Amino acid sequence: LALLAASAALCLALPALTTAVPVAALALLGLGVCADTLLITSF
């Protein structure tokens, strides 16, 4: 749970550093992985 939350924060940090769309695509792909697996872990 802690690792996934930290990984989500790292994914969200990428658009904060640069608003390039390819970077955002990579970040949101990773964010989707982290968000769903974080919910699974919570359950």
Full PDB file with SEQRES, HELIX, SHEET, SSBOND, CRYST1, ORIGX, SCALE, CONECT and MASTER records, all heavy atoms in Angstrom:
SEQRES   1 A   43  LEU ALA LEU LEU ALA ALA SER ALA ALA LEU CYS LEU ALA          
SEQRES   2 A   43  LEU PRO ALA LEU THR THR ALA VAL PRO VAL ALA ALA LEU          
SEQRES   3 A   43  ALA LEU LEU GLY LEU GLY VAL CYS ALA ASP THR LEU LEU          
SEQRES   4 A   43  ILE THR SER PHE                                              
HELIX    1 AA1 ALA A    2  LEU A   17  1                                  16    
HELIX    2 AA2 VAL A   21  SER A   42  1                                  22    
CRYST1    1.000    1.000    1.000  90.00  90.00  90.00 P 1           1          
ORIGX1      1.000000  0.000000  0.000000        0.00000                         
ORIGX2      0.000000  1.000000  0.000000        0.00000                         
ORIGX3      0.000000  0.000000  1.000000        0.00000                         
SCALE1      1.000000  0.000000  0.000000        0.00000                         
SCALE2      0.000000  1.000000  0.000000        0.00000                         
SCALE3      0.000000  0.000000  1.000000        0.00000                         
ATOM      1  N   LEU A   1       0.834  -1.199   0.000  1.00  0.00           N  
ATOM      2  CA  LEU A   1       0.000   0.000   0.000  1.00  0.00           C  
ATOM      3  C   LEU A   1       0.874   1.256   0.000  1.00  0.00           C  
ATOM      4  O   LEU A   1       0.630   2.204  -0.761  1.00  0.00           O  
ATOM      5  CB  LEU A   1      -0.915  -0.002   1.221  1.00  0.00           C  
ATOM      6  CG  LEU A   1      -2.004   1.071   1.248  1.00  0.00           C  
ATOM      7  CD1 LEU A   1      -3.103   0.747   0.243  1.00  0.00           C  
ATOM      8  CD2 LEU A   1      -2.609   1.191   2.643  1.00  0.00           C  
ATOM      9  N   ALA A   2       1.898   1.263   0.855  1.00  0.00           N  
ATOM     10  CA  ALA A   2       2.799   2.413   0.914  1.00  0.00           C  
ATOM     11  C   ALA A   2       3.575   2.574  -0.388  1.00  0.00           C  
ATOM     12  O   ALA A   2       3.739   3.692  -0.902  1.00  0.00           O  
ATOM     13  CB  ALA A   2       3.757   2.260   2.092  1.00  0.00           C  
ATOM     14  N   LEU A   3       4.043   1.452  -0.951  1.00  0.00           N  
ATOM     15  CA  LEU A   3       4.818   1.513  -2.192  1.00  0.00           C  
ATOM     16  C   LEU A   3       3.969   2.008  -3.354  1.00  0.00           C  
ATOM     17  O   LEU A   3       4.419   2.836  -4.164  1.00  0.00           O  
ATOM     18  CB  LEU A   3       5.382   0.124  -2.503  1.00  0.00           C  
ATOM     19  CG  LEU A   3       6.204  -0.003  -3.787  1.00  0.00           C  
ATOM     20  CD1 LEU A   3       7.436   0.901  -3.731  1.00  0.00           C  
ATOM     21  CD2 LEU A   3       6.615  -1.449  -4.024  1.00  0.00           C  
ATOM     22  N   LEU A   4       2.740   1.549  -3.448  1.00  0.00           N  
ATOM     23  CA  LEU A   4       1.859   1.966  -4.540  1.00  0.00           C  
ATOM     24  C   LEU A   4       1.481   3.435  -4.418  1.00  0.00           C  
ATOM     25  O   LEU A   4       1.404   4.154  -5.424  1.00  0.00           O  
ATOM     26  CB  LEU A   4       0.611   1.095  -4.559  1.00  0.00           C  
ATOM     27  CG  LEU A   4       0.826  -0.349  -5.019  1.00  0.00           C  
ATOM     28  CD1 LEU A   4      -0.384  -1.210  -4.692  1.00  0.00           C  
ATOM     29  CD2 LEU A   4       1.130  -0.389  -6.513  1.00  0.00           C  
ATOM     30  N   ALA A   5       1.226   3.894  -3.193  1.00  0.00           N  
ATOM     31  CA  ALA A   5       0.914   5.310  -3.003  1.00  0.00           C  
ATOM     32  C   ALA A   5       2.110   6.181  -3.393  1.00  0.00           C  
ATOM     33  O   ALA A   5       1.945   7.245  -4.015  1.00  0.00           O  
ATOM     34  CB  ALA A   5       0.521   5.570  -1.550  1.00  0.00           C  
ATOM     35  N   ALA A   6       3.319   5.746  -3.040  1.00  0.00           N  
ATOM     36  CA  ALA A   6       4.516   6.496  -3.415  1.00  0.00           C  
ATOM     37  C   ALA A   6       4.712   6.492  -4.930  1.00  0.00           C  
ATOM     38  O   ALA A   6       5.092   7.510  -5.529  1.00  0.00           O  
ATOM     39  CB  ALA A   6       5.739   5.905  -2.717  1.00  0.00           C  
ATOM     40  N   SER A   7       4.449   5.345  -5.571  1.00  0.00           N  
ATOM     41  CA  SER A   7       4.584   5.258  -7.024  1.00  0.00           C  
ATOM     42  C   SER A   7       3.581   6.177  -7.726  1.00  0.00           C  
ATOM     43  O   SER A   7       3.902   6.813  -8.735  1.00  0.00           O  
ATOM     44  CB  SER A   7       4.377   3.807  -7.483  1.00  0.00           C  
ATOM     45  OG  SER A   7       5.344   2.956  -6.899  1.00  0.00           O  
ATOM     46  N   ALA A   8       2.340   6.243  -7.193  1.00  0.00           N  
ATOM     47  CA  ALA A   8       1.344   7.148  -7.764  1.00  0.00           C  
ATOM     48  C   ALA A   8       1.810   8.598  -7.661  1.00  0.00           C  
ATOM     49  O   ALA A   8       1.623   9.393  -8.594  1.00  0.00           O  
ATOM     50  CB  ALA A   8       0.008   6.969  -7.046  1.00  0.00           C  
ATOM     51  N   ALA A   9       2.417   8.946  -6.524  1.00  0.00           N  
ATOM     52  CA  ALA A   9       2.918  10.311  -6.350  1.00  0.00           C  
ATOM     53  C   ALA A   9       4.012  10.618  -7.370  1.00  0.00           C  
ATOM     54  O   ALA A   9       4.071  11.725  -7.921  1.00  0.00           O  
ATOM     55  CB  ALA A   9       3.437  10.495  -4.930  1.00  0.00           C  
ATOM     56  N   LEU A  10       4.879   9.652  -7.643  1.00  0.00           N  
ATOM     57  CA  LEU A  10       5.938   9.853  -8.637  1.00  0.00           C  
ATOM     58  C   LEU A  10       5.340  10.041 -10.035  1.00  0.00           C  
ATOM     59  O   LEU A  10       5.793  10.895 -10.807  1.00  0.00           O  
ATOM     60  CB  LEU A  10       6.899   8.665  -8.626  1.00  0.00           C  
ATOM     61  CG  LEU A  10       7.815   8.559  -7.401  1.00  0.00           C  
ATOM     62  CD1 LEU A  10       8.635   7.266  -7.467  1.00  0.00           C  
ATOM     63  CD2 LEU A  10       8.743   9.765  -7.318  1.00  0.00           C  
ATOM     64  N   CYS A  11       4.321   9.236 -10.363  1.00  0.00           N  
ATOM     65  CA  CYS A  11       3.663   9.403 -11.670  1.00  0.00           C  
ATOM     66  C   CYS A  11       3.044  10.787 -11.794  1.00  0.00           C  
ATOM     67  O   CYS A  11       3.142  11.435 -12.847  1.00  0.00           O  
ATOM     68  CB  CYS A  11       2.591   8.336 -11.845  1.00  0.00           C  
ATOM     69  SG  CYS A  11       3.221   6.651 -12.059  1.00  0.00           S  
ATOM     70  N   LEU A  12       2.430  11.264 -10.717  1.00  0.00           N  
ATOM     71  CA  LEU A  12       1.794  12.576 -10.747  1.00  0.00           C  
ATOM     72  C   LEU A  12       2.812  13.707 -10.747  1.00  0.00           C  
ATOM     73  O   LEU A  12       2.491  14.833 -11.146  1.00  0.00           O  
ATOM     74  CB  LEU A  12       0.855  12.717  -9.544  1.00  0.00           C  
ATOM     75  CG  LEU A  12      -0.417  11.863  -9.618  1.00  0.00           C  
ATOM     76  CD1 LEU A  12      -1.103  11.826  -8.270  1.00  0.00           C  
ATOM     77  CD2 LEU A  12      -1.357  12.395 -10.681  1.00  0.00           C  
ATOM     78  N   ALA A  13       4.029  13.421 -10.306  1.00  0.00           N  
ATOM     79  CA  ALA A  13       5.065  14.458 -10.315  1.00  0.00           C  
ATOM     80  C   ALA A  13       5.534  14.774 -11.736  1.00  0.00           C  
ATOM     81  O   ALA A  13       6.005  15.893 -12.000  1.00  0.00           O  
ATOM     82  CB  ALA A  13       6.248  14.019  -9.454  1.00  0.00           C  
ATOM     83  N   LEU A  14       5.395  13.819 -12.657  1.00  0.00           N  
ATOM     84  CA  LEU A  14       5.886  14.048 -14.021  1.00  0.00           C  
ATOM     85  C   LEU A  14       5.157  15.200 -14.707  1.00  0.00           C  
ATOM     86  O   LEU A  14       5.809  16.097 -15.259  1.00  0.00           O  
ATOM     87  CB  LEU A  14       5.764  12.758 -14.839  1.00  0.00           C  
ATOM     88  CG  LEU A  14       6.698  11.608 -14.429  1.00  0.00           C  
ATOM     89  CD1 LEU A  14       6.417  10.372 -15.275  1.00  0.00           C  
ATOM     90  CD2 LEU A  14       8.158  12.036 -14.584  1.00  0.00           C  
ATOM     91  N   PRO A  15       3.810  15.245 -14.729  1.00  0.00           N  
ATOM     92  CA  PRO A  15       3.146  16.403 -15.347  1.00  0.00           C  
ATOM     93  C   PRO A  15       3.419  17.709 -14.598  1.00  0.00           C  
ATOM     94  O   PRO A  15       3.298  18.790 -15.199  1.00  0.00           O  
ATOM     95  CB  PRO A  15       1.654  16.032 -15.276  1.00  0.00           C  
ATOM     96  CG  PRO A  15       1.622  14.563 -15.141  1.00  0.00           C  
ATOM     97  CD  PRO A  15       2.830  14.220 -14.334  1.00  0.00           C  
ATOM     98  N   ALA A  16       3.739  17.616 -13.304  1.00  0.00           N  
ATOM     99  CA  ALA A  16       4.078  18.831 -12.568  1.00  0.00           C  
ATOM    100  C   ALA A  16       5.413  19.399 -13.024  1.00  0.00           C  
ATOM    101  O   ALA A  16       5.659  20.606 -12.920  1.00  0.00           O  
ATOM    102  CB  ALA A  16       4.120  18.545 -11.067  1.00  0.00           C  
ATOM    103  N   LEU A  17       6.281  18.526 -13.560  1.00  0.00           N  
ATOM    104  CA  LEU A  17       7.592  18.969 -14.035  1.00  0.00           C  
ATOM    105  C   LEU A  17       7.549  19.437 -15.483  1.00  0.00           C  
ATOM    106  O   LEU A  17       8.230  20.368 -15.871  1.00  0.00           O  
ATOM    107  CB  LEU A  17       8.610  17.826 -13.891  1.00  0.00           C  
ATOM    108  CG  LEU A  17       8.908  17.375 -12.454  1.00  0.00           C  
ATOM    109  CD1 LEU A  17       9.793  16.138 -12.463  1.00  0.00           C  
ATOM    110  CD2 LEU A  17       9.567  18.500 -11.673  1.00  0.00           C  
ATOM    111  N   THR A  18       6.743  18.767 -16.297  1.00  0.00           N  
ATOM    112  CA  THR A  18       6.606  19.151 -17.693  1.00  0.00           C  
ATOM    113  C   THR A  18       5.215  18.781 -18.180  1.00  0.00           C  
ATOM    114  O   THR A  18       4.697  17.722 -17.836  1.00  0.00           O  
ATOM    115  CB  THR A  18       7.654  18.458 -18.590  1.00  0.00           C  
ATOM    116  OG1 THR A  18       7.379  18.755 -19.960  1.00  0.00           O  
ATOM    117  CG2 THR A  18       7.660  16.954 -18.387  1.00  0.00           C  
ATOM    118  N   THR A  19       4.605  19.649 -18.978  1.00  0.00           N  
ATOM    119  CA  THR A  19       3.248  19.406 -19.462  1.00  0.00           C  
ATOM    120  C   THR A  19       3.232  18.808 -20.868  1.00  0.00           C  
ATOM    121  O   THR A  19       2.205  18.847 -21.543  1.00  0.00           O  
ATOM    122  CB  THR A  19       2.434  20.707 -19.456  1.00  0.00           C  
ATOM    123  OG1 THR A  19       3.123  21.699 -20.233  1.00  0.00           O  
ATOM    124  CG2 THR A  19       2.220  21.208 -18.036  1.00  0.00           C  
ATOM    125  N   ALA A  20       4.359  18.242 -21.299  1.00  0.00           N  
ATOM    126  CA  ALA A  20       4.396  17.589 -22.604  1.00  0.00           C  
ATOM    127  C   ALA A  20       3.423  16.415 -22.609  1.00  0.00           C  
ATOM    128  O   ALA A  20       3.402  15.607 -21.676  1.00  0.00           O  
ATOM    129  CB  ALA A  20       5.811  17.107 -22.912  1.00  0.00           C  
ATOM    130  N   VAL A  21       2.633  16.303 -23.672  1.00  0.00           N  
ATOM    131  CA  VAL A  21       1.591  15.276 -23.720  1.00  0.00           C  
ATOM    132  C   VAL A  21       2.167  13.861 -23.664  1.00  0.00           C  
ATOM    133  O   VAL A  21       1.609  12.997 -22.965  1.00  0.00           O  
ATOM    134  CB  VAL A  21       0.708  15.474 -24.973  1.00  0.00           C  
ATOM    135  CG1 VAL A  21      -0.264  14.297 -25.143  1.00  0.00           C  
ATOM    136  CG2 VAL A  21      -0.070  16.775 -24.857  1.00  0.00           C  
ATOM    137  N   PRO A  22       3.277  13.530 -24.358  1.00  0.00           N  
ATOM    138  CA  PRO A  22       3.817  12.167 -24.231  1.00  0.00           C  
ATOM    139  C   PRO A  22       4.199  11.817 -22.792  1.00  0.00           C  
ATOM    140  O   PRO A  22       3.993  10.679 -22.353  1.00  0.00           O  
ATOM    141  CB  PRO A  22       5.053  12.188 -25.146  1.00  0.00           C  
ATOM    142  CG  PRO A  22       4.764  13.264 -26.133  1.00  0.00           C  
ATOM    143  CD  PRO A  22       4.021  14.314 -25.377  1.00  0.00           C  
ATOM    144  N   VAL A  23       4.744  12.788 -22.066  1.00  0.00           N  
ATOM    145  CA  VAL A  23       5.077  12.550 -20.655  1.00  0.00           C  
ATOM    146  C   VAL A  23       3.804  12.326 -19.848  1.00  0.00           C  
ATOM    147  O   VAL A  23       3.727  11.439 -18.986  1.00  0.00           O  
ATOM    148  CB  VAL A  23       5.881  13.733 -20.083  1.00  0.00           C  
ATOM    149  CG1 VAL A  23       6.103  13.562 -18.579  1.00  0.00           C  
ATOM    150  CG2 VAL A  23       7.213  13.860 -20.802  1.00  0.00           C  
ATOM    151  N   ALA A  24       2.782  13.129 -20.133  1.00  0.00           N  
ATOM    152  CA  ALA A  24       1.508  12.962 -19.432  1.00  0.00           C  
ATOM    153  C   ALA A  24       0.903  11.594 -19.719  1.00  0.00           C  
ATOM    154  O   ALA A  24       0.319  10.958 -18.824  1.00  0.00           O  
ATOM    155  CB  ALA A  24       0.546  14.066 -19.848  1.00  0.00           C  
ATOM    156  N   ALA A  25       1.015  11.117 -20.962  1.00  0.00           N  
ATOM    157  CA  ALA A  25       0.474   9.804 -21.309  1.00  0.00           C  
ATOM    158  C   ALA A  25       1.164   8.713 -20.498  1.00  0.00           C  
ATOM    159  O   ALA A  25       0.515   7.810 -19.948  1.00  0.00           O  
ATOM    160  CB  ALA A  25       0.654   9.550 -22.806  1.00  0.00           C  
ATOM    161  N   LEU A  26       2.491   8.790 -20.401  1.00  0.00           N  
ATOM    162  CA  LEU A  26       3.241   7.817 -19.603  1.00  0.00           C  
ATOM    163  C   LEU A  26       2.841   7.900 -18.133  1.00  0.00           C  
ATOM    164  O   LEU A  26       2.635   6.876 -17.464  1.00  0.00           O  
ATOM    165  CB  LEU A  26       4.732   8.068 -19.770  1.00  0.00           C  
ATOM    166  CG  LEU A  26       5.665   7.140 -18.979  1.00  0.00           C  
ATOM    167  CD1 LEU A  26       5.509   5.701 -19.457  1.00  0.00           C  
ATOM    168  CD2 LEU A  26       7.122   7.596 -19.130  1.00  0.00           C  
ATOM    169  N   ALA A  27       2.696   9.126 -17.646  1.00  0.00           N  
ATOM    170  CA  ALA A  27       2.346   9.314 -16.244  1.00  0.00           C  
ATOM    171  C   ALA A  27       0.964   8.760 -15.926  1.00  0.00           C  
ATOM    172  O   ALA A  27       0.768   8.078 -14.908  1.00  0.00           O  
ATOM    173  CB  ALA A  27       2.410  10.801 -15.895  1.00  0.00           C  
ATOM    174  N   LEU A  28      -0.019   9.019 -16.796  1.00  0.00           N  
ATOM    175  CA  LEU A  28      -1.370   8.563 -16.519  1.00  0.00           C  
ATOM    176  C   LEU A  28      -1.523   7.061 -16.736  1.00  0.00           C  
ATOM    177  O   LEU A  28      -2.348   6.418 -16.073  1.00  0.00           O  
ATOM    178  CB  LEU A  28      -2.374   9.332 -17.364  1.00  0.00           C  
ATOM    179  CG  LEU A  28      -2.601  10.769 -16.871  1.00  0.00           C  
ATOM    180  CD1 LEU A  28      -3.462  11.544 -17.839  1.00  0.00           C  
ATOM    181  CD2 LEU A  28      -3.242  10.776 -15.496  1.00  0.00           C  
ATOM    182  N   LEU A  29      -0.738   6.486 -17.627  1.00  0.00           N  
ATOM    183  CA  LEU A  29      -0.717   5.035 -17.751  1.00  0.00           C  
ATOM    184  C   LEU A  29      -0.238   4.409 -16.437  1.00  0.00           C  
ATOM    185  O   LEU A  29      -0.855   3.483 -15.900  1.00  0.00           O  
ATOM    186  CB  LEU A  29       0.195   4.615 -18.904  1.00  0.00           C  
ATOM    187  CG  LEU A  29       0.338   3.103 -19.132  1.00  0.00           C  
ATOM    188  CD1 LEU A  29      -0.987   2.505 -19.596  1.00  0.00           C  
ATOM    189  CD2 LEU A  29       1.438   2.824 -20.159  1.00  0.00           C  
ATOM    190  N   GLY A  30       0.880   4.940 -15.911  1.00  0.00           N  
ATOM    191  CA  GLY A  30       1.390   4.447 -14.634  1.00  0.00           C  
ATOM    192  C   GLY A  30       0.445   4.724 -13.484  1.00  0.00           C  
ATOM    193  O   GLY A  30       0.280   3.904 -12.577  1.00  0.00           O  
ATOM    194  N   LEU A  31      -0.208   5.892 -13.528  1.00  0.00           N  
ATOM    195  CA  LEU A  31      -1.146   6.236 -12.472  1.00  0.00           C  
ATOM    196  C   LEU A  31      -2.322   5.267 -12.452  1.00  0.00           C  
ATOM    197  O   LEU A  31      -2.794   4.871 -11.378  1.00  0.00           O  
ATOM    198  CB  LEU A  31      -1.654   7.661 -12.679  1.00  0.00           C  
ATOM    199  CG  LEU A  31      -2.636   8.188 -11.633  1.00  0.00           C  
ATOM    200  CD1 LEU A  31      -1.988   8.237 -10.264  1.00  0.00           C  
ATOM    201  CD2 LEU A  31      -3.166   9.560 -12.035  1.00  0.00           C  
ATOM    202  N   GLY A  32      -2.802   4.866 -13.627  1.00  0.00           N  
ATOM    203  CA  GLY A  32      -3.888   3.891 -13.675  1.00  0.00           C  
ATOM    204  C   GLY A  32      -3.493   2.581 -13.035  1.00  0.00           C  
ATOM    205  O   GLY A  32      -4.260   1.988 -12.266  1.00  0.00           O  
ATOM    206  N   VAL A  33      -2.269   2.122 -13.322  1.00  0.00           N  
ATOM    207  CA  VAL A  33      -1.767   0.892 -12.701  1.00  0.00           C  
ATOM    208  C   VAL A  33      -1.756   1.034 -11.184  1.00  0.00           C  
ATOM    209  O   VAL A  33      -2.241   0.160 -10.447  1.00  0.00           O  
ATOM    210  CB  VAL A  33      -0.361   0.560 -13.224  1.00  0.00           C  
ATOM    211  CG1 VAL A  33       0.230  -0.618 -12.452  1.00  0.00           C  
ATOM    212  CG2 VAL A  33      -0.385   0.253 -14.710  1.00  0.00           C  
ATOM    213  N   CYS A  34      -1.202   2.139 -10.703  1.00  0.00           N  
ATOM    214  CA  CYS A  34      -1.082   2.344  -9.250  1.00  0.00           C  
ATOM    215  C   CYS A  34      -2.442   2.484  -8.579  1.00  0.00           C  
ATOM    216  O   CYS A  34      -2.669   1.935  -7.494  1.00  0.00           O  
ATOM    217  CB  CYS A  34      -0.236   3.581  -8.967  1.00  0.00           C  
ATOM    218  SG  CYS A  34       1.480   3.457  -9.492  1.00  0.00           S  
ATOM    219  N   ALA A  35      -3.360   3.216  -9.212  1.00  0.00           N  
ATOM    220  CA  ALA A  35      -4.656   3.488  -8.581  1.00  0.00           C  
ATOM    221  C   ALA A  35      -5.467   2.218  -8.404  1.00  0.00           C  
ATOM    222  O   ALA A  35      -6.024   1.961  -7.326  1.00  0.00           O  
ATOM    223  CB  ALA A  35      -5.431   4.509  -9.412  1.00  0.00           C  
ATOM    224  N   ASP A  36      -5.556   1.391  -9.441  1.00  0.00           N  
ATOM    225  CA  ASP A  36      -6.355   0.174  -9.327  1.00  0.00           C  
ATOM    226  C   ASP A  36      -5.722  -0.821  -8.371  1.00  0.00           C  
ATOM    227  O   ASP A  36      -6.409  -1.461  -7.569  1.00  0.00           O  
ATOM    228  CB  ASP A  36      -6.547  -0.461 -10.702  1.00  0.00           C  
ATOM    229  CG  ASP A  36      -7.758   0.099 -11.424  1.00  0.00           C  
ATOM    230  OD1 ASP A  36      -8.062   1.293 -11.197  1.00  0.00           O  
ATOM    231  OD2 ASP A  36      -8.391  -0.624 -12.198  1.00  0.00           O  
ATOM    232  N   THR A  37      -4.396  -0.981  -8.445  1.00  0.00           N  
ATOM    233  CA  THR A  37      -3.742  -1.944  -7.548  1.00  0.00           C  
ATOM    234  C   THR A  37      -3.765  -1.451  -6.107  1.00  0.00           C  
ATOM    235  O   THR A  37      -3.814  -2.258  -5.172  1.00  0.00           O  
ATOM    236  CB  THR A  37      -2.304  -2.220  -8.000  1.00  0.00           C  
ATOM    237  OG1 THR A  37      -1.607  -0.974  -8.201  1.00  0.00           O  
ATOM    238  CG2 THR A  37      -2.284  -3.002  -9.302  1.00  0.00           C  
ATOM    239  N   LEU A  38      -3.764  -0.142  -5.902  1.00  0.00           N  
ATOM    240  CA  LEU A  38      -3.895   0.383  -4.543  1.00  0.00           C  
ATOM    241  C   LEU A  38      -5.259   0.037  -3.962  1.00  0.00           C  
ATOM    242  O   LEU A  38      -5.380  -0.352  -2.789  1.00  0.00           O  
ATOM    243  CB  LEU A  38      -3.668   1.895  -4.546  1.00  0.00           C  
ATOM    244  CG  LEU A  38      -3.598   2.593  -3.185  1.00  0.00           C  
ATOM    245  CD1 LEU A  38      -2.622   3.776  -3.237  1.00  0.00           C  
ATOM    246  CD2 LEU A  38      -4.962   3.108  -2.734  1.00  0.00           C  
ATOM    247  N   LEU A  39      -6.306   0.141  -4.778  1.00  0.00           N  
ATOM    248  CA  LEU A  39      -7.638  -0.239  -4.307  1.00  0.00           C  
ATOM    249  C   LEU A  39      -7.711  -1.734  -4.007  1.00  0.00           C  
ATOM    250  O   LEU A  39      -8.291  -2.153  -2.992  1.00  0.00           O  
ATOM    251  CB  LEU A  39      -8.694   0.139  -5.341  1.00  0.00           C  
ATOM    252  CG  LEU A  39      -9.116   1.606  -5.369  1.00  0.00           C  
ATOM    253  CD1 LEU A  39     -10.077   1.846  -6.532  1.00  0.00           C  
ATOM    254  CD2 LEU A  39      -9.772   2.025  -4.061  1.00  0.00           C  
ATOM    255  N   ILE A  40      -7.126  -2.547  -4.878  1.00  0.00           N  
ATOM    256  CA  ILE A  40      -7.112  -3.993  -4.633  1.00  0.00           C  
ATOM    257  C   ILE A  40      -6.419  -4.298  -3.317  1.00  0.00           C  
ATOM    258  O   ILE A  40      -6.895  -5.102  -2.502  1.00  0.00           O  
ATOM    259  CB  ILE A  40      -6.405  -4.725  -5.794  1.00  0.00           C  
ATOM    260  CG1 ILE A  40      -7.208  -4.582  -7.089  1.00  0.00           C  
ATOM    261  CG2 ILE A  40      -6.226  -6.213  -5.463  1.00  0.00           C  
ATOM    262  CD1 ILE A  40      -6.439  -4.995  -8.332  1.00  0.00           C  
ATOM    263  N   THR A  41      -5.280  -3.656  -3.089  1.00  0.00           N  
ATOM    264  CA  THR A  41      -4.536  -3.868  -1.847  1.00  0.00           C  
ATOM    265  C   THR A  41      -5.353  -3.431  -0.640  1.00  0.00           C  
ATOM    266  O   THR A  41      -5.330  -4.089   0.413  1.00  0.00           O  
ATOM    267  CB  THR A  41      -3.203  -3.097  -1.899  1.00  0.00           C  
ATOM    268  OG1 THR A  41      -2.497  -3.459  -3.088  1.00  0.00           O  
ATOM    269  CG2 THR A  41      -2.341  -3.423  -0.691  1.00  0.00           C  
ATOM    270  N   SER A  42      -6.078  -2.337  -0.777  1.00  0.00           N  
ATOM    271  CA  SER A  42      -6.935  -1.873   0.324  1.00  0.00           C  
ATOM    272  C   SER A  42      -8.010  -2.904   0.649  1.00  0.00           C  
ATOM    273  O   SER A  42      -8.281  -3.193   1.822  1.00  0.00           O  
ATOM    274  CB  SER A  42      -7.579  -0.540  -0.045  1.00  0.00           C  
ATOM    275  OG  SER A  42      -6.615   0.449  -0.294  1.00  0.00           O  
ATOM    276  N   PHE A  43      -8.605  -3.489  -0.391  1.00  0.00           N  
ATOM    277  CA  PHE A  43      -9.625  -4.514  -0.150  1.00  0.00           C  
ATOM    278  C   PHE A  43      -9.014  -5.765   0.477  1.00  0.00           C  
ATOM    279  O   PHE A  43      -9.645  -6.425   1.309  1.00  0.00           O  
ATOM    280  CB  PHE A  43     -10.336  -4.863  -1.457  1.00  0.00           C  
ATOM    281  CG  PHE A  43     -11.099  -3.714  -2.050  1.00  0.00           C  
ATOM    282  CD1 PHE A  43     -11.024  -3.424  -3.409  1.00  0.00           C  
ATOM    283  CD2 PHE A  43     -11.900  -2.905  -1.260  1.00  0.00           C  
ATOM    284  CE1 PHE A  43     -11.732  -2.373  -3.953  1.00  0.00           C  
ATOM    285  CE2 PHE A  43     -12.612  -1.832  -1.809  1.00  0.00           C  
ATOM    286  CZ  PHE A  43     -12.527  -1.576  -3.152  1.00  0.00           C  
TER     287      PHE A  43                                                      
MASTER        0    0    0    2    0    0    0    6  286    1    0    4          
END                                                                             
